[in-house]
Amino acid sequence: MLARRFTIVCLLSALFGIMFAALVAETSRPARSWEMTSSKTD
């Protein structure tokens, strides 16, 4: 029972860590990069 609960907590914390890392990586990119790519297609 304790091992199952520990496994669930570890998986949830790993998932949260991956999502947080993706969020930090997304905000560190140039903010207007999508505008540059959309202006080239017009």
N, C-alpha and C. Protein backbone atom coordinates (compact mmCIF):
# COMPACT_ATOMS: atom_id res chain seq x y z
N MET A 1 0.84 -1.20 0.00
CA MET A 1 0.00 0.00 0.00
C MET A 1 0.88 1.26 0.00
N LEU A 2 1.88 1.27 0.86
CA LEU A 2 2.76 2.43 0.94
C LEU A 2 3.61 2.56 -0.33
N ALA A 3 4.05 1.42 -0.87
CA ALA A 3 4.84 1.46 -2.10
C ALA A 3 4.01 1.95 -3.27
N ARG A 4 2.74 1.55 -3.33
CA ARG A 4 1.87 2.01 -4.41
C ARG A 4 1.66 3.52 -4.31
N ARG A 5 1.43 4.01 -3.10
CA ARG A 5 1.24 5.45 -2.91
C ARG A 5 2.51 6.22 -3.25
N PHE A 6 3.64 5.69 -2.88
CA PHE A 6 4.92 6.32 -3.20
C PHE A 6 5.15 6.36 -4.70
N THR A 7 4.79 5.29 -5.41
CA THR A 7 4.93 5.25 -6.87
C THR A 7 4.05 6.30 -7.53
N ILE A 8 2.82 6.44 -7.06
CA ILE A 8 1.90 7.42 -7.63
C ILE A 8 2.43 8.84 -7.40
N VAL A 9 2.93 9.10 -6.21
CA VAL A 9 3.47 10.43 -5.91
C VAL A 9 4.70 10.71 -6.78
N CYS A 10 5.56 9.72 -6.98
CA CYS A 10 6.74 9.92 -7.82
C CYS A 10 6.37 10.18 -9.26
N LEU A 11 5.39 9.44 -9.78
CA LEU A 11 4.97 9.66 -11.17
C LEU A 11 4.33 11.03 -11.34
N LEU A 12 3.52 11.45 -10.39
CA LEU A 12 2.89 12.77 -10.48
C LEU A 12 3.92 13.88 -10.38
N SER A 13 4.90 13.73 -9.50
CA SER A 13 5.91 14.76 -9.38
C SER A 13 6.80 14.81 -10.63
N ALA A 14 7.07 13.65 -11.24
CA ALA A 14 7.84 13.64 -12.48
C ALA A 14 7.06 14.31 -13.61
N LEU A 15 5.77 14.04 -13.68
CA LEU A 15 4.94 14.67 -14.70
C LEU A 15 4.88 16.18 -14.51
N PHE A 16 4.75 16.61 -13.26
CA PHE A 16 4.74 18.04 -12.97
C PHE A 16 6.09 18.67 -13.33
N GLY A 17 7.17 17.99 -13.06
CA GLY A 17 8.49 18.51 -13.39
C GLY A 17 8.69 18.65 -14.89
N ILE A 18 8.20 17.70 -15.65
CA ILE A 18 8.32 17.77 -17.11
C ILE A 18 7.49 18.93 -17.65
N MET A 19 6.28 19.09 -17.13
CA MET A 19 5.41 20.18 -17.58
C MET A 19 6.01 21.54 -17.20
N PHE A 20 6.58 21.62 -16.01
CA PHE A 20 7.20 22.88 -15.58
C PHE A 20 8.42 23.21 -16.43
N ALA A 21 9.21 22.19 -16.76
CA ALA A 21 10.39 22.41 -17.61
C ALA A 21 9.97 22.87 -19.00
N ALA A 22 8.89 22.30 -19.53
CA ALA A 22 8.41 22.71 -20.85
C ALA A 22 7.90 24.15 -20.79
N LEU A 23 7.25 24.51 -19.71
CA LEU A 23 6.75 25.87 -19.56
C LEU A 23 7.90 26.87 -19.48
N VAL A 24 8.93 26.56 -18.74
CA VAL A 24 10.09 27.44 -18.62
C VAL A 24 10.80 27.55 -19.97
N ALA A 25 10.94 26.44 -20.69
CA ALA A 25 11.59 26.48 -22.00
C ALA A 25 10.77 27.30 -22.99
N GLU A 26 9.45 27.24 -22.89
CA GLU A 26 8.60 28.00 -23.79
C GLU A 26 8.71 29.50 -23.54
N THR A 27 8.77 29.90 -22.28
CA THR A 27 8.84 31.33 -21.96
C THR A 27 10.23 31.91 -22.23
N SER A 28 11.26 31.07 -22.31
CA SER A 28 12.60 31.60 -22.56
C SER A 28 12.85 31.85 -24.04
N ARG A 29 11.95 31.38 -24.92
CA ARG A 29 12.10 31.63 -26.35
C ARG A 29 11.76 33.08 -26.67
N PRO A 30 12.18 33.56 -27.83
CA PRO A 30 11.78 34.91 -28.24
C PRO A 30 10.26 35.01 -28.36
N ALA A 31 9.70 36.09 -27.85
CA ALA A 31 8.25 36.20 -27.76
C ALA A 31 7.59 36.35 -29.12
N ARG A 32 8.26 37.00 -30.07
CA ARG A 32 7.62 37.29 -31.35
C ARG A 32 8.10 36.37 -32.46
N SER A 33 8.59 35.20 -32.12
CA SER A 33 9.05 34.28 -33.16
C SER A 33 7.89 33.79 -34.02
N TRP A 34 6.71 33.66 -33.44
CA TRP A 34 5.55 33.20 -34.23
C TRP A 34 5.09 34.27 -35.21
N GLU A 35 5.30 35.55 -34.86
CA GLU A 35 4.92 36.61 -35.80
C GLU A 35 5.87 36.64 -36.99
N MET A 36 7.13 36.36 -36.78
CA MET A 36 8.08 36.34 -37.87
C MET A 36 7.76 35.21 -38.85
N THR A 37 7.42 34.05 -38.34
CA THR A 37 7.11 32.93 -39.22
C THR A 37 5.79 33.14 -39.94
N SER A 38 4.81 33.78 -39.30
CA SER A 38 3.53 33.99 -39.96
C SER A 38 3.63 35.07 -41.03
N SER A 39 4.53 36.03 -40.87
CA SER A 39 4.67 37.09 -41.87
C SER A 39 5.36 36.57 -43.13
N LYS A 40 6.16 35.50 -43.00
CA LYS A 40 6.82 34.94 -44.17
C LYS A 40 5.82 34.18 -45.07
N THR A 41 4.78 33.63 -44.48
CA THR A 41 3.84 32.85 -45.26
C THR A 41 2.88 33.73 -46.05
N ASP A 42 2.73 34.99 -45.68
CA ASP A 42 1.79 35.89 -46.37
C ASP A 42 2.34 36.33 -47.73
